[in-house]
Protein backbone atom coordinates (compact mmCIF):
# COMPACT_ATOMS: atom_id res chain seq x y z
CA UNK A 1 89.80 65.57 129.22
CA UNK A 2 89.23 65.50 132.99
CA UNK A 3 85.71 65.83 134.34
CA UNK A 4 84.96 69.13 136.04
CA UNK A 5 81.80 69.90 137.97
CA UNK A 6 80.76 73.51 138.42
CA UNK A 7 78.03 73.81 141.04
CA UNK A 8 76.01 76.99 140.56
CA UNK A 9 73.87 78.42 143.31
CA UNK A 10 71.18 81.03 142.95
CA UNK A 11 73.49 83.67 144.43
CA UNK A 12 76.45 83.11 142.09
CA UNK A 13 77.51 86.16 140.13
CA UNK A 14 76.92 85.57 136.40
CA UNK A 15 78.69 88.07 134.15
CA UNK A 16 78.80 87.90 130.33
CA UNK A 17 81.63 89.41 128.34
CA UNK A 18 83.90 89.08 125.33
CA UNK A 19 87.59 88.49 124.77
CA UNK A 20 88.45 90.68 121.81
CA UNK A 21 90.24 89.14 118.86
CA UNK A 22 92.69 90.96 116.66
CA UNK A 23 91.59 94.02 114.65
CA UNK A 24 92.31 92.36 111.30
CA UNK A 25 90.45 89.20 112.23
CA UNK A 26 93.47 86.89 112.57
CA UNK A 27 91.97 85.79 115.88
CA UNK A 28 88.22 85.82 116.35
CA UNK A 29 86.45 87.42 119.27
CA UNK A 30 85.41 84.88 121.90
CA UNK A 31 82.43 85.00 124.20
CA UNK A 32 82.86 84.38 127.90
CA UNK A 33 80.73 84.00 130.99
CA UNK A 34 82.08 84.44 134.48
CA UNK A 35 80.36 82.22 137.03
CA UNK A 36 81.69 83.32 140.39
CA UNK A 37 85.45 82.88 140.06
CA UNK A 38 85.16 80.46 137.11
CA UNK A 39 85.26 81.62 133.48
CA UNK A 40 83.68 79.71 130.58
CA UNK A 41 85.14 80.89 127.29
CA UNK A 42 84.67 79.90 123.65
CA UNK A 43 83.41 80.91 120.27
CA UNK A 44 79.88 82.27 120.10
CA UNK A 45 78.49 79.09 118.54
CA UNK A 46 80.00 76.94 121.30
CA UNK A 47 78.52 79.10 124.06
CA UNK A 48 75.13 79.09 122.32
CA UNK A 49 75.26 75.28 122.21
CA UNK A 50 76.14 75.26 125.92
CA UNK A 51 73.24 77.62 126.65
CA UNK A 52 70.86 75.36 124.71
CA UNK A 53 72.06 72.32 126.68
CA UNK A 54 71.63 74.24 129.96
CA UNK A 55 68.09 75.21 128.99
CA UNK A 56 67.24 71.62 128.08
CA UNK A 57 68.71 70.29 131.34
CA UNK A 58 66.76 72.87 133.38
CA UNK A 59 63.54 71.90 131.60
CA UNK A 60 64.22 68.22 132.27
CA UNK A 61 64.80 68.91 135.99
CA UNK A 62 61.57 70.91 136.25
CA UNK A 63 59.64 68.20 134.40
CA UNK A 64 61.03 65.53 136.73
CA UNK A 65 60.14 67.59 139.81
CA UNK A 66 56.53 67.96 138.58
CA UNK A 67 56.01 64.18 138.15
CA UNK A 68 58.99 61.84 138.70
CA UNK A 69 57.07 58.66 137.80
CA UNK A 70 55.76 60.02 134.50
CA UNK A 71 59.22 61.34 133.64
CA UNK A 72 60.83 57.94 134.29
CA UNK A 73 58.17 56.20 132.18
CA UNK A 74 58.83 58.53 129.22
CA UNK A 75 62.60 58.11 129.54
CA UNK A 76 62.27 54.31 129.69
CA UNK A 77 59.99 54.32 126.63
CA UNK A 78 62.47 56.50 124.75
CA UNK A 79 65.38 54.17 125.60
CA UNK A 80 63.33 51.13 124.58
CA UNK A 81 62.41 52.73 121.25
CA UNK A 82 66.08 53.51 120.53
CA UNK A 83 67.17 49.90 121.06
């Protein structure tokens, strides 16, 4: 799968929605989020996982901005413990 980068600014339009499945359930309803002119679409569980990853990444960025040296020390200790 090719790598795609979606850069989101604070002024990008974010619009949630759904793509309706079939009435008898042959196709499930999918969740979607429009980010400017880009659409992210998938099953509810997949979009929840994406939202969780976005939340974690935002928290990491804020933590790094508060104290870059302490953040790097924790990351290095984590990598060392995993080896």
